[in-house]
Each structure stands twice: as structure tokens, then as C-alpha cells.
C-alpha atoms as a PDB file:
ATOM      1  CA  UNK A   1     -52.696  75.644-123.941  1.00  0.00           C
ATOM      2  CA  UNK A   2     -48.974  76.126-124.313  1.00  0.00           C
ATOM      3  CA  UNK A   3     -47.408  77.156-127.575  1.00  0.00           C
ATOM      4  CA  UNK A   4     -43.755  76.972-128.532  1.00  0.00           C
ATOM      5  CA  UNK A   5     -42.045  79.947-130.089  1.00  0.00           C
ATOM      6  CA  UNK A   6     -38.910  79.973-132.245  1.00  0.00           C
ATOM      7  CA  UNK A   7     -36.572  79.856-129.250  1.00  0.00           C
ATOM      8  CA  UNK A   8     -38.126  76.582-127.935  1.00  0.00           C
ATOM      9  CA  UNK A   9     -39.554  78.365-124.901  1.00  0.00           C
ATOM     10  CA  UNK A  10     -43.077  77.453-123.871  1.00  0.00           C
ATOM     11  CA  UNK A  11     -45.480  80.367-123.528  1.00  0.00           C
ATOM     12  CA  UNK A  12     -49.074  80.454-122.384  1.00  0.00           C
ATOM     13  CA  UNK A  13     -51.639  82.124-124.578  1.00  0.00           C
ATOM     14  CA  UNK A  14     -53.554  85.128-123.304  1.00  0.00           C
ATOM     15  CA  UNK A  15     -56.897  83.394-123.696  1.00  0.00           C
ATOM     16  CA  UNK A  16     -55.819  80.653-121.297  1.00  0.00           C
ATOM     17  CA  UNK A  17     -54.693  83.251-118.785  1.00  0.00           C
ATOM     18  CA  UNK A  18     -58.032  85.070-119.070  1.00  0.00           C
ATOM     19  CA  UNK A  19     -59.902  81.784-118.595  1.00  0.00           C
ATOM     20  CA  UNK A  20     -57.889  81.060-115.450  1.00  0.00           C
ATOM     21  CA  UNK A  21     -58.466  84.595-114.161  1.00  0.00           C
ATOM     22  CA  UNK A  22     -62.196  84.329-114.858  1.00  0.00           C
ATOM     23  CA  UNK A  23     -62.338  81.011-113.030  1.00  0.00           C
ATOM     24  CA  UNK A  24     -60.570  82.489-110.010  1.00  0.00           C
ATOM     25  CA  UNK A  25     -62.661  85.673-109.899  1.00  0.00           C
ATOM     26  CA  UNK A  26     -66.113  84.360-110.793  1.00  0.00           C
ATOM     27  CA  UNK A  27     -66.009  80.787-109.442  1.00  0.00           C
ATOM     28  CA  UNK A  28     -63.293  80.223-106.856  1.00  0.00           C
ATOM     29  CA  UNK A  29     -63.521  83.427-104.776  1.00  0.00           C
ATOM     30  CA  UNK A  30     -67.332  83.369-104.393  1.00  0.00           C
ATOM     31  CA  UNK A  31     -67.356  79.665-103.512  1.00  0.00           C
ATOM     32  CA  UNK A  32     -64.599  80.092-100.946  1.00  0.00           C
ATOM     33  CA  UNK A  33     -66.306  83.163 -99.477  1.00  0.00           C
ATOM     34  CA  UNK A  34     -69.636  81.375 -99.056  1.00  0.00           C
ATOM     35  CA  UNK A  35     -67.899  78.313 -97.589  1.00  0.00           C
ATOM     36  CA  UNK A  36     -65.896  80.409 -95.131  1.00  0.00           C
ATOM     37  CA  UNK A  37     -68.829  82.522 -93.945  1.00  0.00           C
ATOM     38  CA  UNK A  38     -71.121  79.496 -93.762  1.00  0.00           C
ATOM     39  CA  UNK A  39     -68.666  77.441 -91.748  1.00  0.00           C
ATOM     40  CA  UNK A  40     -68.005  80.369 -89.398  1.00  0.00           C
ATOM     41  CA  UNK A  41     -71.739  80.791 -88.845  1.00  0.00           C
ATOM     42  CA  UNK A  42     -72.134  77.069 -88.241  1.00  0.00           C
ATOM     43  CA  UNK A  43     -69.340  77.115 -85.658  1.00  0.00           C
ATOM     44  CA  UNK A  44     -70.929  80.061 -83.827  1.00  0.00           C
ATOM     45  CA  UNK A  45     -74.333  78.340 -83.954  1.00  0.00           C
ATOM     46  CA  UNK A  46     -72.896  75.117 -82.479  1.00  0.00           C
ATOM     47  CA  UNK A  47     -71.086  77.047 -79.738  1.00  0.00           C
ATOM     48  CA  UNK A  48     -74.341  78.759 -78.799  1.00  0.00           C
ATOM     49  CA  UNK A  49     -76.347  75.520 -79.041  1.00  0.00           C
ATOM     50  CA  UNK A  50     -74.104  73.572 -76.683  1.00  0.00           C
ATOM     51  CA  UNK A  51     -72.599  76.336 -74.565  1.00  0.00           C
ATOM     52  CA  UNK A  52     -75.431  78.774 -74.293  1.00  0.00           C
ATOM     53  CA  UNK A  53     -75.614  82.327 -75.505  1.00  0.00           C
ATOM     54  CA  UNK A  54     -72.747  84.437 -74.240  1.00  0.00           C
ATOM     55  CA  UNK A  55     -73.996  87.291 -72.065  1.00  0.00           C
ATOM     56  CA  UNK A  56     -72.480  90.742 -71.901  1.00  0.00           C
END
């Protein structure tokens, strides 16, 4: 929520900033991490399913 001070400048309250930070740290980063690792694993699985396992 934005509040106006005496100079007519809009400022954001600290609680809103902490809510946004909490959302980023506890929701967004874990979801993006799981999505990235899961999609990478799926891509590797599909490569191995259709192309065969890569030998050394």
C-alpha cells in the first residue's frame, strides 16, 4: 500500500516490502527452482528415451 507524505511523494510501507520479499524468498524462488530442475530432468529423460543412453 502506498502512503503519501507531506511533500506529496508516494512511499511504500515497510510491511508491504517485507510481504513482497517473503513472497519472493518463500514462494517464487522455490517454485522456480523446482520447475527448472524438473524441466531439465524431463529434457534429459526425453533425450535418453529417444536417442539412447550416451556412452562414455
